[in-house]
Amino acid sequence: MQSGYTCQRCLANLKRVGNGQIAIRNIRHGTGLGISNRRHYTPIKPKTAPLPIQQRRRQGTFETGRAGPVNQDPNVPFTATEPVPPNLQPEESELQSKFRLGPNNLFHSFSGSPIPSIRRKAAFMKFHAFCPHPDHRPTRIATSPHDPESRKTASQSVQGPKHVNFECPDCGLPVYCSEDHWMDDYEHHSETCDTLRQANEDEHDMHAGEPFSNDRWPDRQMEEIVPNMTNWDTYLYTREYAAINDERQLRQITRLLTYPMTIGSILHELSPYNIRRGGRLTPEGLKSFSALRYTMHPERDGSDGTIKNARPRAPPVRIFILGARAESSLPRSCWVQLEFLFHRCAMHLIFIGPEAMSGIRASEPIPERTPRNPFGGVVEDRITHDTKITTFTEYYHTMHKAQYFQPFDPYFDCFVLFHPGLGHPASAHEWEETIPLLLETKVPIICTGYTEWDMQRDKAWVEEKMKGEVDILMEAGENIFRSLRWDLNDADPGDLSCGNWGVWAFRGKRYEAQMGDQFFKFV
């Protein structure tokens, strides 16, 4: 009798049908015995005759075997396999359809890039970014000691501000206004030139090869298989991800997984953050996170998914992600990896922020506000059996004052702030009304930062504004599951940042009533 089970290799082979590849016909169902390790498909080749090698190099028709992550954001540039948007010029769309980026053909100057969106990004940089040479007068107040504007002084600088126009031949980015300033300040530029070149190649790698398919995401494991969250390598190995043999591929996948894994690495019972020396967890943090871990790791109750052995389940754990931006548009298969770390635990991810829907496609408009949905929330309750995602394009303090989420429970609720910029001069005022409301809930608040300076600035702002009404749950430090890819700032090419580089946690101060000797003197 033929079994209804299809192995993962055959299933992946079936999914290739319709993507320009011919699948093998005699696919067997069962245990997969007799299937070789080679690829069972034949790529469809063009009918035209191959071009000479010199002409292929000039036109850039190189083959690729790479696989990059999926872009869910419509504003992010498309790949060569996607339909050409109508706003592109014919010559640009034709060039992109012919040009194929490969592992050895990823470095291009931004202005001469074969990708139209990268060329538009270069034009944006040249229009907004200013030359960092100290001969120019400052254009703004420096935000950190590492800011290039801190090298400029109004008394010593003699030239007016100028936009960047010269692209460094080593990193391919517009970094100075002229070649003379680039050569004169090359010693300072060389400190970040190699990293900028790496970011340049990673940006082009996003448009190379096939999309990052869902076949590479692992499914739920047996409960007896325990993930090792010591670092990225041990986690990817114990969770049985597809083999990643290239550092560039590792940087691309960690850029996606850093958001769910930052949360999971702190809330999991096998968290690498502990109360031991160097573990960064404080006694108050052990109390708060132990309450959440008790809920997220329930004991076995004998239920097996059938009606006969059904048991009452605890309410879902609510994870509020405030100020949501890019993380709200991540592929849902990426957020499901957070659920797979916790067995028999339901989760409700709530994205809140005015930019929470900026990465969602235009085909999914924001619903109208009704009495049953007063804040126009977009509910996705069919992600998995235990995962639900809701998105609100509203400020949190508005919803908190309306008591939309009350009551809060330290055993079932947690707040997460990805790169909030609490202490940044441009965004601090937006959090002055929200942070006191968060502290009133006495619920753990996890906060990340782009850099160490950004993280320490946020922590200092909270301690100064809240005036001691804060309990530190986890000391600030480098995030074990930070993104390994460096990101560029289009308004300042020399400003490099890393997604979720650092992480720390805090909570509203809790007071415990103690009866002393003074009480009994008046009794």
Protein backbone atom coordinates (compact mmCIF):
# COMPACT_ATOMS: atom_id res chain seq x y z
CA MET A 1 0.00 0.00 0.00
CA GLN A 2 1.39 3.37 -0.96
CA SER A 3 2.08 5.72 1.92
CA GLY A 4 0.77 9.30 1.95
CA TYR A 5 4.00 10.70 3.36
CA THR A 6 6.31 12.71 1.15
CA CYS A 7 9.89 13.24 2.26
CA GLN A 8 11.29 16.75 2.48
CA ARG A 9 13.60 16.22 -0.51
CA CYS A 10 10.78 15.13 -2.78
CA LEU A 11 8.56 17.93 -1.51
CA ALA A 12 11.22 20.50 -2.30
CA ASN A 13 11.59 18.95 -5.74
CA LEU A 14 7.87 19.29 -6.42
CA LYS A 15 7.92 22.96 -5.44
CA ARG A 16 10.48 23.68 -8.15
CA VAL A 17 7.90 22.95 -10.86
CA GLY A 18 6.83 26.22 -12.40
CA ASN A 19 10.00 28.11 -11.45
CA GLY A 20 11.85 27.45 -14.67
CA GLN A 21 13.02 23.96 -13.67
CA ILE A 22 11.83 20.51 -14.74
CA ALA A 23 11.22 18.11 -11.88
CA ILE A 24 11.92 14.39 -12.07
CA ARG A 25 8.89 12.28 -12.98
CA ASN A 26 9.42 9.11 -10.98
CA ILE A 27 9.19 10.53 -7.46
CA ARG A 28 8.70 7.82 -4.89
CA HIS A 29 6.70 8.15 -1.71
CA GLY A 30 7.87 6.54 1.48
CA THR A 31 11.18 6.58 3.26
CA GLY A 32 13.08 8.06 0.33
CA LEU A 33 15.30 5.01 -0.24
CA GLY A 34 17.14 4.92 -3.50
CA ILE A 35 17.15 8.69 -4.01
CA SER A 36 20.58 10.03 -4.82
CA ASN A 37 22.09 13.21 -3.43
CA ARG A 38 22.28 14.95 -6.77
CA ARG A 39 19.75 17.57 -7.91
CA HIS A 40 16.83 15.94 -9.76
CA TYR A 41 16.03 18.75 -12.13
CA THR A 42 17.34 20.26 -15.30
CA PRO A 43 17.60 24.04 -15.62
CA ILE A 44 15.93 25.43 -18.72
CA LYS A 45 18.63 27.00 -20.87
CA PRO A 46 18.02 29.74 -23.44
CA LYS A 47 17.72 28.67 -27.05
CA THR A 48 20.12 31.33 -28.30
CA ALA A 49 23.72 30.45 -28.94
CA PRO A 50 26.19 31.21 -26.16
CA LEU A 51 28.13 34.46 -26.43
CA PRO A 52 31.94 34.66 -26.48
CA ILE A 53 33.54 34.93 -23.07
CA GLN A 54 34.69 38.53 -23.63
CA GLN A 55 31.20 39.64 -24.65
CA ARG A 56 29.65 37.81 -21.70
CA ARG A 57 31.98 39.62 -19.34
CA ARG A 58 31.09 42.96 -20.86
CA GLN A 59 27.36 42.32 -20.62
CA GLY A 60 27.63 40.68 -17.21
CA THR A 61 25.81 37.42 -18.12
CA PHE A 62 27.24 35.29 -15.36
CA GLU A 63 25.48 32.30 -13.87
CA THR A 64 24.79 32.09 -10.19
CA GLY A 65 24.18 29.32 -7.73
CA ARG A 66 23.46 31.55 -4.79
CA ALA A 67 20.29 31.90 -2.83
CA GLY A 68 19.44 35.12 -1.06
CA PRO A 69 16.66 36.04 1.37
CA VAL A 70 13.19 36.99 0.24
CA ASN A 71 12.29 40.68 0.14
CA GLN A 72 8.78 41.10 1.58
CA ASP A 73 9.03 44.88 1.43
CA PRO A 74 7.75 46.29 -1.87
CA ASN A 75 10.09 49.23 -1.55
CA VAL A 76 13.09 46.92 -1.53
CA PRO A 77 14.50 46.26 -5.00
CA PHE A 78 13.27 43.22 -6.87
CA THR A 79 15.27 40.30 -8.23
CA ALA A 80 15.75 39.37 -11.85
CA THR A 81 13.05 36.68 -11.63
CA GLU A 82 10.35 39.13 -10.54
CA PRO A 83 8.15 41.11 -12.96
CA VAL A 84 9.55 44.44 -14.04
CA PRO A 85 7.77 47.42 -12.44
CA PRO A 86 6.29 49.87 -14.92
CA ASN A 87 8.16 52.87 -13.45
CA LEU A 88 11.52 51.61 -14.76
CA GLN A 89 12.92 52.69 -18.08
CA PRO A 90 13.04 49.97 -20.76
CA GLU A 91 16.81 49.99 -20.94
CA GLU A 92 17.09 49.54 -17.17
CA SER A 93 14.62 46.65 -17.04
CA GLU A 94 16.29 44.99 -20.02
CA LEU A 95 19.72 45.32 -18.39
CA GLN A 96 18.52 43.82 -15.14
CA SER A 97 16.81 40.91 -16.85
CA LYS A 98 20.09 40.00 -18.59
CA PHE A 99 22.55 40.71 -15.81
CA ARG A 100 23.13 37.91 -13.35
CA LEU A 101 25.22 38.50 -10.25
CA GLY A 102 27.35 35.64 -9.05
CA PRO A 103 29.51 34.96 -5.99
CA ASN A 104 32.58 36.37 -7.77
CA ASN A 105 30.79 39.32 -9.36
CA LEU A 106 29.25 41.17 -6.42
CA PHE A 107 31.45 44.23 -6.16
CA HIS A 108 30.25 47.23 -8.15
CA SER A 109 30.30 50.92 -7.48
CA PHE A 110 26.91 52.18 -6.41
CA SER A 111 26.68 54.64 -9.31
CA GLY A 112 27.69 51.98 -11.84
CA SER A 113 25.68 49.16 -10.31
CA PRO A 114 23.67 46.92 -12.64
CA ILE A 115 20.77 47.15 -10.16
CA PRO A 116 18.61 50.24 -10.80
CA SER A 117 17.54 50.57 -7.16
CA ILE A 118 21.16 50.69 -5.99
CA ARG A 119 21.88 53.42 -8.52
CA ARG A 120 18.93 55.35 -7.13
CA LYS A 121 20.35 54.85 -3.65
CA ALA A 122 23.69 56.29 -4.84
CA ALA A 123 21.87 59.34 -6.20
CA PHE A 124 20.12 59.72 -2.84
CA MET A 125 23.45 59.62 -1.02
CA LYS A 126 24.98 62.25 -3.28
CA PHE A 127 22.00 64.51 -2.74
CA HIS A 128 21.76 64.23 1.07
CA ALA A 129 25.12 63.10 2.51
CA PHE A 130 27.88 65.62 3.28
CA CYS A 131 31.63 65.23 2.91
CA PRO A 132 33.20 64.15 6.25
CA HIS A 133 36.53 65.91 5.64
CA PRO A 134 37.43 68.18 8.62
CA ASP A 135 38.04 71.13 6.29
CA HIS A 136 34.27 71.55 5.90
CA ARG A 137 32.18 73.35 8.45
CA PRO A 138 29.81 71.17 10.51
CA THR A 139 26.25 70.75 9.27
CA ARG A 140 24.69 69.44 12.50
CA ILE A 141 25.45 68.57 16.08
CA ALA A 142 27.44 65.36 16.45
CA THR A 143 25.35 62.57 18.00
CA SER A 144 28.30 60.52 19.29
CA PRO A 145 32.11 60.65 19.54
CA HIS A 146 32.25 58.32 16.52
CA ASP A 147 30.17 60.66 14.37
CA PRO A 148 32.25 62.13 11.49
CA GLU A 149 30.73 65.54 12.30
CA SER A 150 32.63 65.53 15.61
CA ARG A 151 35.89 66.04 13.66
CA LYS A 152 34.66 69.34 12.27
CA THR A 153 34.96 72.61 14.18
CA ALA A 154 33.48 75.94 13.21
CA SER A 155 36.72 77.77 14.06
CA GLN A 156 39.20 75.60 12.13
CA SER A 157 37.05 74.54 9.17
CA VAL A 158 37.39 76.98 6.28
CA GLN A 159 35.19 75.47 3.56
CA GLY A 160 31.44 75.31 3.42
CA PRO A 161 29.54 72.03 3.47
CA LYS A 162 29.60 69.99 0.28
CA HIS A 163 27.75 66.86 -0.72
CA VAL A 164 29.60 63.64 -1.43
CA ASN A 165 30.35 63.04 -5.10
CA PHE A 166 33.52 60.94 -5.29
CA GLU A 167 33.24 57.16 -4.97
CA CYS A 168 36.08 55.31 -3.32
CA PRO A 169 37.49 52.74 -5.77
CA ASP A 170 38.06 50.29 -2.92
CA CYS A 171 34.57 50.24 -1.37
CA GLY A 172 32.49 51.65 -4.25
CA LEU A 173 30.52 54.14 -2.13
CA PRO A 174 30.29 57.93 -2.49
CA VAL A 175 32.18 59.05 0.60
CA TYR A 176 33.89 62.39 -0.19
CA CYS A 177 33.20 65.47 -2.24
CA SER A 178 36.37 65.16 -4.33
CA GLU A 179 39.32 62.86 -4.93
CA ASP A 180 41.65 65.31 -3.19
CA HIS A 181 39.72 65.12 0.07
CA TRP A 182 39.54 61.36 -0.25
CA MET A 183 43.31 61.07 -0.65
CA ASP A 184 44.00 63.59 2.12
CA ASP A 185 41.72 61.78 4.59
CA TYR A 186 42.43 58.23 3.43
CA GLU A 187 43.93 57.18 6.76
CA HIS A 188 40.64 57.88 8.50
CA HIS A 189 38.58 56.32 5.70
CA SER A 190 40.69 53.14 5.74
CA GLU A 191 39.32 52.31 9.21
CA THR A 192 35.93 51.49 7.70
CA CYS A 193 36.75 50.93 4.03
CA ASP A 194 36.86 47.12 4.26
CA THR A 195 33.57 47.01 6.15
CA LEU A 196 31.96 49.35 3.62
CA ARG A 197 33.10 47.09 0.80
CA GLN A 198 31.57 44.11 2.61
CA ALA A 199 28.30 46.03 3.00
CA ASN A 200 28.44 46.89 -0.71
CA GLU A 201 28.80 43.25 -1.71
CA ASP A 202 26.07 42.15 0.69
CA GLU A 203 23.73 44.75 -0.81
CA HIS A 204 24.33 43.35 -4.29
CA ASP A 205 24.04 39.81 -2.97
CA MET A 206 20.46 40.59 -1.96
CA HIS A 207 19.64 40.75 -5.69
CA ALA A 208 21.69 37.73 -6.75
CA GLY A 209 20.46 34.23 -7.38
CA GLU A 210 17.17 32.66 -6.41
CA PRO A 211 14.92 33.92 -3.60
CA PHE A 212 15.32 32.51 -0.12
CA SER A 213 12.66 29.80 -0.20
CA ASN A 214 10.68 28.47 2.74
CA ASP A 215 12.33 25.07 2.24
CA ARG A 216 15.37 26.38 4.09
CA TRP A 217 13.38 27.08 7.27
CA PRO A 218 13.26 24.07 9.59
CA ASP A 219 9.98 22.75 10.88
CA ARG A 220 9.03 22.02 14.48
CA GLN A 221 11.31 19.50 16.16
CA MET A 222 10.64 16.83 18.72
CA GLU A 223 10.47 18.17 22.22
CA GLU A 224 13.35 15.93 23.24
CA ILE A 225 15.65 17.72 20.77
CA VAL A 226 16.97 20.69 22.71
CA PRO A 227 18.33 23.78 20.85
CA ASN A 228 21.74 25.06 21.86
CA MET A 229 21.69 28.85 22.01
CA THR A 230 25.32 29.45 22.84
CA ASN A 231 25.83 31.29 19.54
CA TRP A 232 24.59 31.38 15.96
CA ASP A 233 26.53 28.28 14.87
CA THR A 234 25.24 26.01 17.63
CA TYR A 235 21.68 27.24 17.20
CA LEU A 236 21.58 26.73 13.43
CA TYR A 237 23.11 23.27 13.81
CA THR A 238 20.85 21.99 16.59
CA ARG A 239 17.74 23.44 14.91
CA GLU A 240 18.72 21.58 11.71
CA TYR A 241 18.84 24.50 9.33
CA ALA A 242 20.08 23.86 5.82
CA ALA A 243 23.86 23.89 5.69
CA ILE A 244 25.33 27.38 5.36
CA ASN A 245 28.83 27.15 3.97
CA ASP A 246 29.42 30.79 3.15
CA GLU A 247 29.91 33.71 5.53
CA ARG A 248 27.86 35.96 3.27
CA GLN A 249 24.92 33.59 3.42
CA LEU A 250 25.26 33.52 7.20
CA ARG A 251 25.18 37.32 7.33
CA GLN A 252 22.03 37.42 5.23
CA ILE A 253 20.10 34.86 7.25
CA THR A 254 21.11 36.34 10.60
CA ARG A 255 19.76 39.69 9.45
CA LEU A 256 16.32 38.07 9.32
CA LEU A 257 16.54 35.81 12.35
CA THR A 258 18.04 38.39 14.71
CA TYR A 259 14.58 39.72 15.61
CA PRO A 260 12.85 36.50 16.72
CA MET A 261 16.05 35.02 18.17
CA THR A 262 16.81 38.09 20.29
CA ILE A 263 13.47 37.55 22.00
CA GLY A 264 13.75 33.79 22.16
CA SER A 265 17.30 33.76 23.55
CA ILE A 266 16.18 35.84 26.56
CA LEU A 267 12.83 34.17 27.30
CA HIS A 268 13.93 30.56 26.79
CA GLU A 269 14.77 28.40 29.82
CA LEU A 270 18.11 27.53 28.18
CA SER A 271 18.96 31.18 27.66
CA PRO A 272 22.67 32.05 27.40
CA TYR A 273 21.97 34.97 29.76
CA ASN A 274 22.00 33.84 33.38
CA ILE A 275 22.72 35.07 36.88
CA ARG A 276 26.24 33.63 36.99
CA ARG A 277 29.28 35.86 36.74
CA GLY A 278 29.30 37.41 33.28
CA GLY A 279 25.78 36.19 32.56
CA ARG A 280 24.42 39.79 32.73
CA LEU A 281 21.13 38.78 34.35
CA THR A 282 20.34 40.57 37.63
CA PRO A 283 18.38 39.10 40.59
CA GLU A 284 15.36 41.20 39.60
CA GLY A 285 15.71 39.95 36.04
CA LEU A 286 15.73 36.37 37.26
CA LYS A 287 12.41 36.99 39.02
CA SER A 288 10.73 38.57 35.99
CA PHE A 289 12.00 36.16 33.33
CA SER A 290 11.39 33.11 35.52
CA ALA A 291 7.70 34.03 35.59
CA LEU A 292 7.56 34.15 31.80
CA ARG A 293 9.59 30.95 31.43
CA TYR A 294 7.17 29.16 33.76
CA THR A 295 4.34 30.01 31.35
CA MET A 296 6.25 29.39 28.14
CA HIS A 297 7.51 25.96 29.23
CA PRO A 298 4.38 24.27 30.66
CA GLU A 299 4.47 20.79 32.10
CA ARG A 300 3.09 17.84 30.21
CA ASP A 301 -0.61 17.43 30.93
CA GLY A 302 -1.39 14.28 28.98
CA SER A 303 -3.05 15.99 26.03
CA ASP A 304 -2.26 14.59 22.59
CA GLY A 305 -4.30 16.82 20.29
CA THR A 306 -7.42 14.68 20.33
CA ILE A 307 -10.82 15.59 21.79
CA LYS A 308 -10.72 12.59 24.10
CA ASN A 309 -7.57 13.80 25.85
CA ALA A 310 -8.20 17.53 25.55
CA ARG A 311 -7.00 19.69 28.42
CA PRO A 312 -7.56 23.38 29.15
CA ARG A 313 -4.72 25.55 27.85
CA ALA A 314 -3.23 28.72 29.24
CA PRO A 315 -3.88 32.02 27.44
CA PRO A 316 -1.33 33.01 24.79
CA VAL A 317 1.77 34.91 25.81
CA ARG A 318 1.50 38.46 24.46
CA ILE A 319 4.71 39.98 23.09
CA PHE A 320 4.24 43.70 22.37
CA ILE A 321 6.73 45.03 19.80
CA LEU A 322 6.55 48.81 20.04
CA GLY A 323 7.79 51.24 17.41
CA ALA A 324 7.69 48.41 14.87
CA ARG A 325 9.27 49.13 11.50
CA ALA A 326 11.20 46.56 9.46
CA GLU A 327 10.48 43.71 11.88
CA SER A 328 6.75 43.91 11.18
CA SER A 329 7.32 43.12 7.48
CA LEU A 330 9.54 40.09 8.03
CA PRO A 331 8.39 36.84 6.41
CA ARG A 332 5.94 35.11 8.72
CA SER A 333 7.93 31.89 8.35
CA CYS A 334 10.74 33.76 10.07
CA TRP A 335 8.61 34.72 13.08
CA VAL A 336 7.33 31.15 13.33
CA GLN A 337 10.85 30.10 14.30
CA LEU A 338 10.23 31.84 17.62
CA GLU A 339 7.22 29.64 18.29
CA PHE A 340 9.18 26.48 17.47
CA LEU A 341 11.47 27.15 20.44
CA PHE A 342 8.54 26.81 22.87
CA HIS A 343 6.41 23.66 22.84
CA ARG A 344 2.77 23.73 23.95
CA CYS A 345 2.80 27.51 24.27
CA ALA A 346 0.57 29.86 22.27
CA MET A 347 1.95 33.27 21.26
CA HIS A 348 0.38 36.53 20.20
CA LEU A 349 2.78 38.97 18.52
CA ILE A 350 1.45 42.54 18.56
CA PHE A 351 3.22 45.12 16.36
CA ILE A 352 2.41 48.70 17.35
CA GLY A 353 3.67 51.89 15.73
CA PRO A 354 2.82 54.43 13.02
CA GLU A 355 5.30 52.73 10.66
CA ALA A 356 4.21 49.17 11.41
CA MET A 357 2.47 48.79 8.02
CA SER A 358 5.06 50.63 5.93
CA GLY A 359 6.60 47.37 4.70
CA ILE A 360 3.32 45.62 3.91
CA ARG A 361 2.26 45.48 0.30
CA ALA A 362 -0.32 47.95 -0.98
CA SER A 363 -2.69 45.05 -1.72
CA GLU A 364 -3.27 44.74 2.04
CA PRO A 365 -4.81 48.08 3.05
CA ILE A 366 -5.40 49.10 6.64
CA PRO A 367 -8.95 48.14 7.67
CA GLU A 368 -11.44 50.76 8.69
CA ARG A 369 -11.90 51.59 12.35
CA THR A 370 -15.11 50.15 13.69
CA PRO A 371 -16.59 49.73 17.18
CA ARG A 372 -15.30 46.15 17.21
CA ASN A 373 -11.90 47.20 15.84
CA PRO A 374 -11.44 50.77 17.13
CA PHE A 375 -7.75 51.06 16.20
CA GLY A 376 -7.87 49.34 12.79
CA GLY A 377 -5.78 46.32 13.72
CA VAL A 378 -4.71 43.86 11.02
CA VAL A 379 -5.19 40.37 12.45
CA GLU A 380 -3.32 37.35 11.08
CA ASP A 381 -4.68 34.41 13.04
CA ARG A 382 -3.82 31.66 10.56
CA ILE A 383 -0.05 31.77 10.77
CA THR A 384 0.15 28.48 12.69
CA HIS A 385 -1.96 26.74 15.27
CA ASP A 386 -0.14 28.52 18.12
CA THR A 387 0.88 31.85 16.54
CA LYS A 388 -1.21 34.96 15.96
CA ILE A 389 0.04 38.33 14.70
CA THR A 390 -1.79 41.65 15.02
CA THR A 391 -0.55 44.98 13.64
CA PHE A 392 -1.67 48.45 14.76
CA THR A 393 -0.64 51.74 13.12
CA GLU A 394 -1.16 53.74 16.27
CA TYR A 395 0.97 55.07 19.12
CA TYR A 396 1.05 52.78 22.11
CA HIS A 397 0.27 55.45 24.69
CA THR A 398 -3.01 56.21 22.90
CA MET A 399 -4.08 52.57 23.13
CA HIS A 400 -2.84 52.26 26.70
CA LYS A 401 -4.92 55.20 27.89
CA ALA A 402 -7.95 53.63 26.22
CA GLN A 403 -7.23 50.48 28.29
CA TYR A 404 -7.25 48.38 25.15
CA PHE A 405 -4.77 45.77 26.43
CA GLN A 406 -5.46 45.83 30.16
CA PRO A 407 -4.93 43.99 32.43
CA PHE A 408 -1.23 43.13 32.20
CA ASP A 409 0.27 40.04 33.77
CA PRO A 410 4.03 39.50 34.33
CA TYR A 411 3.45 35.80 33.60
CA PHE A 412 1.92 36.40 30.16
CA ASP A 413 3.15 39.78 28.85
CA CYS A 414 6.43 41.23 27.62
CA PHE A 415 7.44 44.43 25.79
CA VAL A 416 10.16 44.58 23.12
CA LEU A 417 11.72 47.76 21.69
CA PHE A 418 13.93 47.20 18.63
CA HIS A 419 16.25 50.20 18.13
CA PRO A 420 13.83 52.68 19.74
CA GLY A 421 16.24 55.63 19.91
CA LEU A 422 15.09 56.58 23.40
CA GLY A 423 17.97 58.99 23.87
CA HIS A 424 18.28 60.21 20.29
CA PRO A 425 17.50 63.93 20.01
CA ALA A 426 15.18 63.38 17.04
CA SER A 427 13.02 60.65 18.63
CA ALA A 428 13.30 61.05 22.42
CA HIS A 429 10.18 63.22 22.62
CA GLU A 430 8.07 60.42 21.11
CA TRP A 431 8.86 58.12 24.04
CA GLU A 432 8.48 60.57 26.94
CA GLU A 433 4.80 59.72 27.26
CA THR A 434 5.11 56.00 26.53
CA ILE A 435 7.91 54.87 28.86
CA PRO A 436 6.15 55.89 32.13
CA LEU A 437 3.09 53.91 31.04
CA LEU A 438 5.26 50.86 30.35
CA LEU A 439 6.86 51.09 33.78
CA GLU A 440 3.44 51.13 35.43
CA THR A 441 2.69 47.66 34.08
CA LYS A 442 5.68 46.09 35.94
CA VAL A 443 6.21 43.93 32.85
CA PRO A 444 9.71 43.17 31.45
CA ILE A 445 10.90 45.52 28.69
CA ILE A 446 13.60 44.26 26.29
CA CYS A 447 15.47 47.00 24.42
CA THR A 448 18.12 46.78 21.68
CA GLY A 449 20.48 49.25 20.03
CA TYR A 450 22.31 49.65 16.73
CA THR A 451 25.68 50.26 18.38
CA GLU A 452 27.14 50.29 21.87
CA TRP A 453 26.92 54.08 21.97
CA ASP A 454 23.26 54.00 20.88
CA MET A 455 22.42 51.41 23.54
CA GLN A 456 24.22 53.22 26.37
CA ARG A 457 22.56 56.51 25.37
CA ASP A 458 19.11 54.92 25.60
CA LYS A 459 19.90 53.43 28.99
CA ALA A 460 21.20 56.73 30.35
CA TRP A 461 18.07 58.52 29.10
CA VAL A 462 15.76 56.05 30.86
CA GLU A 463 17.67 56.29 34.14
CA GLU A 464 17.72 60.08 33.98
CA LYS A 465 14.08 60.64 32.98
CA MET A 466 12.53 58.00 35.24
CA LYS A 467 14.61 59.11 38.27
CA GLY A 468 15.22 55.77 39.93
CA GLU A 469 11.82 54.20 39.22
CA VAL A 470 13.51 51.50 37.12
CA ASP A 471 14.81 48.02 37.90
CA ILE A 472 17.53 46.77 35.55
CA LEU A 473 16.75 43.19 34.57
CA MET A 474 19.71 42.57 32.27
CA GLU A 475 22.91 44.57 31.99
CA ALA A 476 23.61 46.27 28.68
CA GLY A 477 26.03 44.42 26.42
CA GLU A 478 26.53 42.82 23.04
CA ASN A 479 23.68 40.68 21.78
CA ILE A 480 24.72 37.07 21.14
CA PHE A 481 22.17 36.85 18.32
CA ARG A 482 22.85 40.19 16.69
CA SER A 483 22.82 40.57 12.94
CA LEU A 484 26.21 39.74 11.44
CA ARG A 485 25.57 42.04 8.49
CA TRP A 486 26.50 45.72 8.58
CA ASP A 487 23.92 48.17 7.26
CA LEU A 488 24.51 51.49 5.52
CA ASN A 489 22.98 54.83 6.39
CA ASP A 490 21.87 56.43 3.13
CA ALA A 491 22.11 59.91 4.65
CA ASP A 492 25.69 59.26 5.83
CA PRO A 493 27.58 56.45 4.02
CA GLY A 494 30.30 56.42 6.68
CA ASP A 495 27.80 55.61 9.43
CA LEU A 496 27.73 51.83 9.83
CA SER A 497 25.28 50.07 12.12
CA CYS A 498 24.34 46.53 12.99
CA GLY A 499 20.83 45.24 13.63
CA ASN A 500 20.27 44.49 17.33
CA TRP A 501 23.96 44.87 18.16
CA GLY A 502 23.29 45.27 21.87
CA VAL A 503 20.48 44.29 24.21
CA TRP A 504 19.41 45.12 27.75
CA ALA A 505 16.20 44.88 29.77
CA PHE A 506 14.45 46.89 32.46
CA ARG A 507 11.13 47.10 34.31
CA GLY A 508 9.17 49.46 36.52
CA LYS A 509 10.50 49.40 40.07
CA ARG A 510 8.67 47.05 42.40
CA TYR A 511 8.38 47.78 46.10
CA GLU A 512 7.94 45.09 48.71
CA ALA A 513 6.30 46.03 52.01
CA GLN A 514 8.34 45.04 55.04
CA MET A 515 7.20 45.36 58.66
CA GLY A 516 9.98 46.68 60.88
CA ASP A 517 10.40 47.22 64.62
CA GLN A 518 8.96 50.73 64.41
CA PHE A 519 5.52 49.35 63.61
CA PHE A 520 5.18 47.40 66.84
CA LYS A 521 6.01 50.41 69.06
CA PHE A 522 2.63 51.97 68.23
CA VAL A 523 0.57 48.77 68.48
